[in-house]
Amino acid sequence: DIQIKNKVVLAPMAGITSLGYRKFMSKFGPGYVVTEMISDM
């Protein structure tokens, strides 16, 4: 039920897409952002 408003999203990248990076990139208009990949264990 989540509406994604455009045709580009921000990929997860280990060691890069931390909270600070996501906040910074959010201003440029991705449809959604993704955390760094998180281990289930």
All heavy atoms as atom14 arrays in JSON, in Angstrom:
{
  "sequence": "DIQIKNKVVLAPMAGITSLGYRKFMSKFGPGYVVTEMISDM",
  "atom14_mask": [
    [1, 1, 1, 1, 1, 1, 1, 1, 0, 0, 0, 0, 0, 0],
    [1, 1, 1, 1, 1, 1, 1, 1, 0, 0, 0, 0, 0, 0],
    [1, 1, 1, 1, 1, 1, 1, 1, 1, 0, 0, 0, 0, 0],
    [1, 1, 1, 1, 1, 1, 1, 1, 0, 0, 0, 0, 0, 0],
    [1, 1, 1, 1, 1, 1, 1, 1, 1, 0, 0, 0, 0, 0],
    [1, 1, 1, 1, 1, 1, 1, 1, 0, 0, 0, 0, 0, 0],
    [1, 1, 1, 1, 1, 1, 1, 1, 1, 0, 0, 0, 0, 0],
    [1, 1, 1, 1, 1, 1, 1, 0, 0, 0, 0, 0, 0, 0],
    [1, 1, 1, 1, 1, 1, 1, 0, 0, 0, 0, 0, 0, 0],
    [1, 1, 1, 1, 1, 1, 1, 1, 0, 0, 0, 0, 0, 0],
    [1, 1, 1, 1, 1, 0, 0, 0, 0, 0, 0, 0, 0, 0],
    [1, 1, 1, 1, 1, 1, 1, 0, 0, 0, 0, 0, 0, 0],
    [1, 1, 1, 1, 1, 1, 1, 1, 0, 0, 0, 0, 0, 0],
    [1, 1, 1, 1, 1, 0, 0, 0, 0, 0, 0, 0, 0, 0],
    [1, 1, 1, 1, 0, 0, 0, 0, 0, 0, 0, 0, 0, 0],
    [1, 1, 1, 1, 1, 1, 1, 1, 0, 0, 0, 0, 0, 0],
    [1, 1, 1, 1, 1, 1, 1, 0, 0, 0, 0, 0, 0, 0],
    [1, 1, 1, 1, 1, 1, 0, 0, 0, 0, 0, 0, 0, 0],
    [1, 1, 1, 1, 1, 1, 1, 1, 0, 0, 0, 0, 0, 0],
    [1, 1, 1, 1, 0, 0, 0, 0, 0, 0, 0, 0, 0, 0],
    [1, 1, 1, 1, 1, 1, 1, 1, 1, 1, 1, 1, 0, 0],
    [1, 1, 1, 1, 1, 1, 1, 1, 1, 1, 1, 0, 0, 0],
    [1, 1, 1, 1, 1, 1, 1, 1, 1, 0, 0, 0, 0, 0],
    [1, 1, 1, 1, 1, 1, 1, 1, 1, 1, 1, 0, 0, 0],
    [1, 1, 1, 1, 1, 1, 1, 1, 0, 0, 0, 0, 0, 0],
    [1, 1, 1, 1, 1, 1, 0, 0, 0, 0, 0, 0, 0, 0],
    [1, 1, 1, 1, 1, 1, 1, 1, 1, 0, 0, 0, 0, 0],
    [1, 1, 1, 1, 1, 1, 1, 1, 1, 1, 1, 0, 0, 0],
    [1, 1, 1, 1, 0, 0, 0, 0, 0, 0, 0, 0, 0, 0],
    [1, 1, 1, 1, 1, 1, 1, 0, 0, 0, 0, 0, 0, 0],
    [1, 1, 1, 1, 0, 0, 0, 0, 0, 0, 0, 0, 0, 0],
    [1, 1, 1, 1, 1, 1, 1, 1, 1, 1, 1, 1, 0, 0],
    [1, 1, 1, 1, 1, 1, 1, 0, 0, 0, 0, 0, 0, 0],
    [1, 1, 1, 1, 1, 1, 1, 0, 0, 0, 0, 0, 0, 0],
    [1, 1, 1, 1, 1, 1, 1, 0, 0, 0, 0, 0, 0, 0],
    [1, 1, 1, 1, 1, 1, 1, 1, 1, 0, 0, 0, 0, 0],
    [1, 1, 1, 1, 1, 1, 1, 1, 0, 0, 0, 0, 0, 0],
    [1, 1, 1, 1, 1, 1, 1, 1, 0, 0, 0, 0, 0, 0],
    [1, 1, 1, 1, 1, 1, 0, 0, 0, 0, 0, 0, 0, 0],
    [1, 1, 1, 1, 1, 1, 1, 1, 0, 0, 0, 0, 0, 0],
    [1, 1, 1, 1, 1, 1, 1, 1, 0, 0, 0, 0, 0, 0]
  ],
  "atom14_positions": [
    [[0.82, -1.22, 0.0], [0.0, 0.0, 0.0], [0.85, 1.26, 0.0], [0.32, 2.37, 0.12], [-0.91, 0.01, 1.24], [-1.97, -1.09, 1.17], [-2.4, -1.42, 0.05], [-2.36, -1.6, 2.24], [0.0, 0.0, 0.0], [0.0, 0.0, 0.0], [0.0, 0.0, 0.0], [0.0, 0.0, 0.0], [0.0, 0.0, 0.0], [0.0, 0.0, 0.0]],
    [[2.16, 1.12, -0.13], [3.06, 2.27, -0.07], [3.25, 2.85, -1.46], [3.73, 2.17, -2.37], [4.43, 1.87, 0.52], [4.25, 1.26, 1.91], [5.36, 3.07, 0.58], [5.52, 0.61, 2.44], [0.0, 0.0, 0.0], [0.0, 0.0, 0.0], [0.0, 0.0, 0.0], [0.0, 0.0, 0.0], [0.0, 0.0, 0.0], [0.0, 0.0, 0.0]],
    [[2.87, 4.1, -1.62], [3.01, 4.77, -2.91], [4.44, 5.27, -3.09], [4.95, 6.02, -2.26], [2.05, 5.95, -3.0], [2.0, 6.61, -4.36], [1.16, 5.83, -5.35], [0.02, 5.5, -5.09], [1.74, 5.52, -6.5], [0.0, 0.0, 0.0], [0.0, 0.0, 0.0], [0.0, 0.0, 0.0], [0.0, 0.0, 0.0], [0.0, 0.0, 0.0]],
    [[5.09, 4.86, -4.16], [6.43, 5.33, -4.5], [6.27, 6.35, -5.62], [5.71, 6.04, -6.67], [7.36, 4.17, -4.93], [7.35, 3.06, -3.87], [8.76, 4.69, -5.19], [7.77, 3.5, -2.49], [0.0, 0.0, 0.0], [0.0, 0.0, 0.0], [0.0, 0.0, 0.0], [0.0, 0.0, 0.0], [0.0, 0.0, 0.0], [0.0, 0.0, 0.0]],
    [[6.8, 7.54, -5.4], [6.41, 8.68, -6.23], [7.25, 8.92, -7.47], [6.93, 9.8, -8.26], [6.4, 9.95, -5.36], [5.38, 9.88, -4.22], [5.42, 11.14, -3.37], [4.42, 11.05, -2.24], [4.45, 12.27, -1.37], [0.0, 0.0, 0.0], [0.0, 0.0, 0.0], [0.0, 0.0, 0.0], [0.0, 0.0, 0.0], [0.0, 0.0, 0.0]],
    [[8.36, 8.2, -7.63], [9.16, 8.45, -8.82], [9.9, 7.2, -9.27], [9.67, 6.12, -8.72], [10.13, 9.62, -8.59], [10.99, 9.41, -7.37], [11.52, 8.32, -7.17], [11.14, 10.43, -6.54], [0.0, 0.0, 0.0], [0.0, 0.0, 0.0], [0.0, 0.0, 0.0], [0.0, 0.0, 0.0], [0.0, 0.0, 0.0], [0.0, 0.0, 0.0]],
    [[10.8, 7.37, -10.24], [11.42, 6.23, -10.9], [12.87, 5.97, -10.48], [13.62, 5.34, -11.2], [11.36, 6.41, -12.42], [9.96, 6.27, -13.01], [9.99, 6.39, -14.52], [8.64, 6.15, -15.14], [8.2, 4.74, -14.98], [0.0, 0.0, 0.0], [0.0, 0.0, 0.0], [0.0, 0.0, 0.0], [0.0, 0.0, 0.0], [0.0, 0.0, 0.0]],
    [[13.25, 6.44, -9.31], [14.62, 6.18, -8.84], [14.6, 6.0, -7.33], [13.91, 6.72, -6.61], [15.58, 7.33, -9.25], [15.07, 8.67, -8.79], [16.98, 7.08, -8.74], [0.0, 0.0, 0.0], [0.0, 0.0, 0.0], [0.0, 0.0, 0.0], [0.0, 0.0, 0.0], [0.0, 0.0, 0.0], [0.0, 0.0, 0.0], [0.0, 0.0, 0.0]],
    [[15.33, 4.98, -6.86], [15.43, 4.71, -5.42], [16.9, 4.56, -5.05], [17.76, 4.35, -5.91], [14.64, 3.45, -5.02], [13.17, 3.61, -5.35], [15.19, 2.2, -5.69], [0.0, 0.0, 0.0], [0.0, 0.0, 0.0], [0.0, 0.0, 0.0], [0.0, 0.0, 0.0], [0.0, 0.0, 0.0], [0.0, 0.0, 0.0], [0.0, 0.0, 0.0]],
    [[17.18, 4.7, -3.76], [18.56, 4.64, -3.27], [18.89, 3.23, -2.82], [18.25, 2.7, -1.92], [18.74, 5.64, -2.12], [20.16, 5.77, -1.56], [21.11, 6.33, -2.62], [20.16, 6.67, -0.33], [0.0, 0.0, 0.0], [0.0, 0.0, 0.0], [0.0, 0.0, 0.0], [0.0, 0.0, 0.0], [0.0, 0.0, 0.0], [0.0, 0.0, 0.0]],
    [[19.9, 2.63, -3.42], [20.29, 1.26, -3.13], [20.98, 1.16, -1.77], [21.58, 2.11, -1.29], [21.24, 0.75, -4.2], [0.0, 0.0, 0.0], [0.0, 0.0, 0.0], [0.0, 0.0, 0.0], [0.0, 0.0, 0.0], [0.0, 0.0, 0.0], [0.0, 0.0, 0.0], [0.0, 0.0, 0.0], [0.0, 0.0, 0.0], [0.0, 0.0, 0.0]],
    [[20.92, -0.03, -1.16], [21.74, -0.28, 0.04], [23.18, -0.53, -0.36], [23.45, -1.21, -1.34], [21.11, -1.55, 0.62], [20.54, -2.26, -0.56], [20.1, -1.2, -1.52], [0.0, 0.0, 0.0], [0.0, 0.0, 0.0], [0.0, 0.0, 0.0], [0.0, 0.0, 0.0], [0.0, 0.0, 0.0], [0.0, 0.0, 0.0], [0.0, 0.0, 0.0]],
    [[24.11, 0.04, 0.4], [25.54, -0.19, 0.16], [26.24, -0.31, 1.5], [26.18, 0.61, 2.33], [26.15, 0.95, -0.65], [25.67, 1.02, -2.09], [26.37, 2.45, -2.98], [25.31, 3.76, -2.34], [0.0, 0.0, 0.0], [0.0, 0.0, 0.0], [0.0, 0.0, 0.0], [0.0, 0.0, 0.0], [0.0, 0.0, 0.0], [0.0, 0.0, 0.0]],
    [[26.88, -1.45, 1.72], [27.57, -1.69, 2.98], [28.65, -0.65, 3.21], [29.44, -0.35, 2.32], [28.19, -3.1, 2.99], [0.0, 0.0, 0.0], [0.0, 0.0, 0.0], [0.0, 0.0, 0.0], [0.0, 0.0, 0.0], [0.0, 0.0, 0.0], [0.0, 0.0, 0.0], [0.0, 0.0, 0.0], [0.0, 0.0, 0.0], [0.0, 0.0, 0.0]],
    [[28.66, -0.07, 4.41], [29.67, 0.91, 4.76], [29.42, 2.3, 4.21], [30.22, 3.21, 4.43], [0.0, 0.0, 0.0], [0.0, 0.0, 0.0], [0.0, 0.0, 0.0], [0.0, 0.0, 0.0], [0.0, 0.0, 0.0], [0.0, 0.0, 0.0], [0.0, 0.0, 0.0], [0.0, 0.0, 0.0], [0.0, 0.0, 0.0], [0.0, 0.0, 0.0]],
    [[28.31, 2.48, 3.51], [28.01, 3.79, 2.91], [26.63, 4.29, 3.31], [26.5, 5.42, 3.81], [28.13, 3.73, 1.37], [29.57, 3.44, 0.96], [27.65, 5.06, 0.75], [29.79, 3.34, -0.53], [0.0, 0.0, 0.0], [0.0, 0.0, 0.0], [0.0, 0.0, 0.0], [0.0, 0.0, 0.0], [0.0, 0.0, 0.0], [0.0, 0.0, 0.0]],
    [[25.58, 3.48, 3.1], [24.22, 3.99, 3.27], [23.78, 3.97, 4.74], [22.74, 3.42, 5.09], [23.21, 3.23, 2.4], [23.42, 1.82, 2.53], [23.37, 3.62, 0.95], [0.0, 0.0, 0.0], [0.0, 0.0, 0.0], [0.0, 0.0, 0.0], [0.0, 0.0, 0.0], [0.0, 0.0, 0.0], [0.0, 0.0, 0.0], [0.0, 0.0, 0.0]],
    [[24.58, 4.6, 5.56], [24.22, 4.79, 6.96], [23.15, 5.86, 7.05], [22.74, 6.46, 6.04], [25.45, 5.2, 7.77], [25.9, 6.48, 7.33], [0.0, 0.0, 0.0], [0.0, 0.0, 0.0], [0.0, 0.0, 0.0], [0.0, 0.0, 0.0], [0.0, 0.0, 0.0], [0.0, 0.0, 0.0], [0.0, 0.0, 0.0], [0.0, 0.0, 0.0]],
    [[22.69, 6.13, 8.25], [21.63, 7.11, 8.45], [22.02, 8.47, 7.88], [21.22, 9.14, 7.2], [21.31, 7.23, 9.94], [20.25, 8.28, 10.31], [18.92, 7.96, 9.65], [20.09, 8.33, 11.83], [0.0, 0.0, 0.0], [0.0, 0.0, 0.0], [0.0, 0.0, 0.0], [0.0, 0.0, 0.0], [0.0, 0.0, 0.0], [0.0, 0.0, 0.0]],
    [[23.26, 8.91, 8.13], [23.7, 10.21, 7.64], [23.68, 10.3, 6.13], [23.26, 11.31, 5.55], [0.0, 0.0, 0.0], [0.0, 0.0, 0.0], [0.0, 0.0, 0.0], [0.0, 0.0, 0.0], [0.0, 0.0, 0.0], [0.0, 0.0, 0.0], [0.0, 0.0, 0.0], [0.0, 0.0, 0.0], [0.0, 0.0, 0.0], [0.0, 0.0, 0.0]],
    [[24.12, 9.23, 5.46], [24.13, 9.21, 4.0], [22.7, 9.26, 3.47], [22.4, 9.99, 2.51], [24.84, 7.96, 3.49], [25.02, 7.91, 1.99], [26.1, 8.53, 1.38], [24.1, 7.25, 1.18], [26.27, 8.49, 0.01], [24.26, 7.21, -0.2], [25.35, 7.83, -0.78], [25.5, 7.79, -2.15], [0.0, 0.0, 0.0], [0.0, 0.0, 0.0]],
    [[21.82, 8.49, 4.09], [20.42, 8.46, 3.63], [19.75, 9.82, 3.81], [18.99, 10.28, 2.95], [19.64, 7.37, 4.35], [20.19, 5.96, 4.12], [19.2, 4.88, 4.52], [18.7, 4.97, 5.86], [19.24, 4.4, 6.94], [20.37, 3.71, 6.8], [18.68, 4.51, 8.12], [0.0, 0.0, 0.0], [0.0, 0.0, 0.0], [0.0, 0.0, 0.0]],
    [[20.02, 10.48, 4.95], [19.46, 11.81, 5.17], [19.94, 12.79, 4.09], [19.16, 13.57, 3.53], [19.88, 12.34, 6.54], [19.08, 11.79, 7.7], [19.53, 12.47, 8.99], [18.68, 12.04, 10.17], [19.11, 12.71, 11.43], [0.0, 0.0, 0.0], [0.0, 0.0, 0.0], [0.0, 0.0, 0.0], [0.0, 0.0, 0.0], [0.0, 0.0, 0.0]],
    [[21.23, 12.74, 3.8], [21.8, 13.63, 2.8], [21.18, 13.38, 1.42], [20.77, 14.32, 0.73], [23.31, 13.41, 2.75], [24.02, 14.12, 1.64], [24.29, 15.48, 1.71], [24.43, 13.41, 0.5], [24.95, 16.13, 0.67], [25.09, 14.06, -0.54], [25.35, 15.42, -0.46], [0.0, 0.0, 0.0], [0.0, 0.0, 0.0], [0.0, 0.0, 0.0]],
    [[21.11, 12.13, 1.02], [20.63, 11.81, -0.32], [19.12, 11.99, -0.46], [18.62, 12.19, -1.57], [21.01, 10.37, -0.68], [22.5, 10.14, -0.82], [23.25, 11.05, -2.2], [22.79, 10.0, -3.59], [0.0, 0.0, 0.0], [0.0, 0.0, 0.0], [0.0, 0.0, 0.0], [0.0, 0.0, 0.0], [0.0, 0.0, 0.0], [0.0, 0.0, 0.0]],
    [[18.4, 11.95, 0.66], [16.94, 12.08, 0.6], [16.5, 13.4, -0.02], [15.44, 13.5, -0.65], [16.34, 11.95, 2.0], [16.48, 10.63, 2.48], [0.0, 0.0, 0.0], [0.0, 0.0, 0.0], [0.0, 0.0, 0.0], [0.0, 0.0, 0.0], [0.0, 0.0, 0.0], [0.0, 0.0, 0.0], [0.0, 0.0, 0.0], [0.0, 0.0, 0.0]],
    [[17.32, 14.44, 0.13], [16.96, 15.75, -0.39], [16.94, 15.79, -1.92], [16.37, 16.7, -2.51], [17.97, 16.8, 0.1], [18.01, 16.96, 1.6], [18.96, 18.07, 1.99], [20.34, 17.81, 1.42], [21.29, 18.89, 1.76], [0.0, 0.0, 0.0], [0.0, 0.0, 0.0], [0.0, 0.0, 0.0], [0.0, 0.0, 0.0], [0.0, 0.0, 0.0]],
    [[17.53, 14.79, -2.55], [17.63, 14.8, -4.01], [16.52, 13.99, -4.67], [16.48, 13.89, -5.89], [19.01, 14.32, -4.43], [20.1, 15.25, -3.98], [20.71, 15.09, -2.76], [20.46, 16.34, -4.76], [21.69, 15.97, -2.32], [21.44, 17.24, -4.34], [22.05, 17.05, -3.1], [0.0, 0.0, 0.0], [0.0, 0.0, 0.0], [0.0, 0.0, 0.0]],
    [[15.63, 13.41, -3.87], [14.4, 12.87, -4.42], [14.29, 11.39, -4.7], [13.52, 11.01, -5.6], [0.0, 0.0, 0.0], [0.0, 0.0, 0.0], [0.0, 0.0, 0.0], [0.0, 0.0, 0.0], [0.0, 0.0, 0.0], [0.0, 0.0, 0.0], [0.0, 0.0, 0.0], [0.0, 0.0, 0.0], [0.0, 0.0, 0.0], [0.0, 0.0, 0.0]],
    [[14.97, 10.49, -3.97], [14.7, 9.07, -4.2], [13.29, 8.71, -3.73], [12.75, 9.34, -2.82], [15.76, 8.36, -3.35], [16.06, 9.33, -2.24], [15.95, 10.7, -2.87], [0.0, 0.0, 0.0], [0.0, 0.0, 0.0], [0.0, 0.0, 0.0], [0.0, 0.0, 0.0], [0.0, 0.0, 0.0], [0.0, 0.0, 0.0], [0.0, 0.0, 0.0]],
    [[12.71, 7.7, -4.35], [11.37, 7.27, -3.96], [11.35, 6.6, -2.59], [10.36, 6.69, -1.86], [0.0, 0.0, 0.0], [0.0, 0.0, 0.0], [0.0, 0.0, 0.0], [0.0, 0.0, 0.0], [0.0, 0.0, 0.0], [0.0, 0.0, 0.0], [0.0, 0.0, 0.0], [0.0, 0.0, 0.0], [0.0, 0.0, 0.0], [0.0, 0.0, 0.0]],
    [[12.41, 5.91, -2.26], [12.61, 5.38, -0.91], [14.09, 5.12, -0.72], [14.88, 5.18, -1.66], [11.77, 4.12, -0.65], [12.11, 2.89, -1.46], [13.13, 2.01, -1.08], [11.36, 2.54, -2.58], [13.42, 0.86, -1.8], [11.64, 1.39, -3.32], [12.67, 0.56, -2.92], [12.95, -0.58, -3.64], [0.0, 0.0, 0.0], [0.0, 0.0, 0.0]],
    [[14.48, 4.85, 0.52], [15.87, 4.55, 0.84], [15.94, 3.21, 1.55], [14.94, 2.73, 2.11], [16.52, 5.65, 1.72], [16.55, 6.98, 0.98], [15.79, 5.8, 3.05], [0.0, 0.0, 0.0], [0.0, 0.0, 0.0], [0.0, 0.0, 0.0], [0.0, 0.0, 0.0], [0.0, 0.0, 0.0], [0.0, 0.0, 0.0], [0.0, 0.0, 0.0]],
    [[17.13, 2.6, 1.53], [17.32, 1.28, 2.12], [18.52, 1.32, 3.07], [19.55, 1.93, 2.75], [17.56, 0.2, 1.04], [17.53, -1.2, 1.64], [16.54, 0.31, -0.08], [0.0, 0.0, 0.0], [0.0, 0.0, 0.0], [0.0, 0.0, 0.0], [0.0, 0.0, 0.0], [0.0, 0.0, 0.0], [0.0, 0.0, 0.0], [0.0, 0.0, 0.0]],
    [[18.4, 0.66, 4.2], [19.52, 0.57, 5.14], [20.66, -0.25, 4.54], [20.48, -0.95, 3.54], [19.09, -0.12, 6.44], [18.71, -1.48, 6.15], [17.93, 0.59, 7.1], [0.0, 0.0, 0.0], [0.0, 0.0, 0.0], [0.0, 0.0, 0.0], [0.0, 0.0, 0.0], [0.0, 0.0, 0.0], [0.0, 0.0, 0.0], [0.0, 0.0, 0.0]],
    [[21.81, -0.18, 5.17], [22.84, -1.17, 4.88], [22.26, -2.54, 5.18], [21.37, -2.68, 6.02], [24.07, -0.93, 5.77], [24.74, 0.41, 5.55], [25.88, 0.63, 6.53], [26.92, -0.03, 6.4], [25.71, 1.47, 7.44], [0.0, 0.0, 0.0], [0.0, 0.0, 0.0], [0.0, 0.0, 0.0], [0.0, 0.0, 0.0], [0.0, 0.0, 0.0]],
    [[22.77, -3.58, 4.51], [22.19, -4.89, 4.76], [22.5, -5.35, 6.18], [23.61, -5.15, 6.69], [22.65, -5.92, 3.72], [24.1, -6.25, 3.68], [24.4, -7.55, 2.43], [26.15, -7.81, 2.68], [0.0, 0.0, 0.0], [0.0, 0.0, 0.0], [0.0, 0.0, 0.0], [0.0, 0.0, 0.0], [0.0, 0.0, 0.0], [0.0, 0.0, 0.0]],
    [[21.5, -5.96, 6.81], [21.55, -6.29, 8.22], [21.47, -7.8, 8.39], [20.58, -8.47, 7.85], [20.38, -5.62, 8.97], [20.49, -4.1, 8.86], [20.32, -6.06, 10.42], [19.29, -3.35, 9.42], [0.0, 0.0, 0.0], [0.0, 0.0, 0.0], [0.0, 0.0, 0.0], [0.0, 0.0, 0.0], [0.0, 0.0, 0.0], [0.0, 0.0, 0.0]],
    [[22.39, -8.34, 9.15], [22.44, -9.78, 9.39], [21.31, -10.23, 10.3], [21.08, -9.66, 11.36], [23.79, -10.14, 10.03], [23.74, -11.4, 10.64], [0.0, 0.0, 0.0], [0.0, 0.0, 0.0], [0.0, 0.0, 0.0], [0.0, 0.0, 0.0], [0.0, 0.0, 0.0], [0.0, 0.0, 0.0], [0.0, 0.0, 0.0], [0.0, 0.0, 0.0]],
    [[20.61, -11.3, 9.88], [19.56, -11.85, 10.75], [20.15, -12.34, 12.07], [19.62, -12.07, 13.15], [18.79, -12.97, 10.04], [19.66, -14.15, 9.59], [20.92, -14.06, 9.63], [19.1, -15.18, 9.19], [0.0, 0.0, 0.0], [0.0, 0.0, 0.0], [0.0, 0.0, 0.0], [0.0, 0.0, 0.0], [0.0, 0.0, 0.0], [0.0, 0.0, 0.0]],
    [[21.3, -13.0, 12.0], [21.91, -13.52, 13.22], [22.46, -12.4, 14.09], [22.48, -12.5, 15.32], [23.02, -14.52, 12.89], [22.54, -15.74, 12.12], [21.13, -16.58, 12.89], [21.87, -17.14, 14.44], [0.0, 0.0, 0.0], [0.0, 0.0, 0.0], [0.0, 0.0, 0.0], [0.0, 0.0, 0.0], [0.0, 0.0, 0.0], [0.0, 0.0, 0.0]]
  ]
}
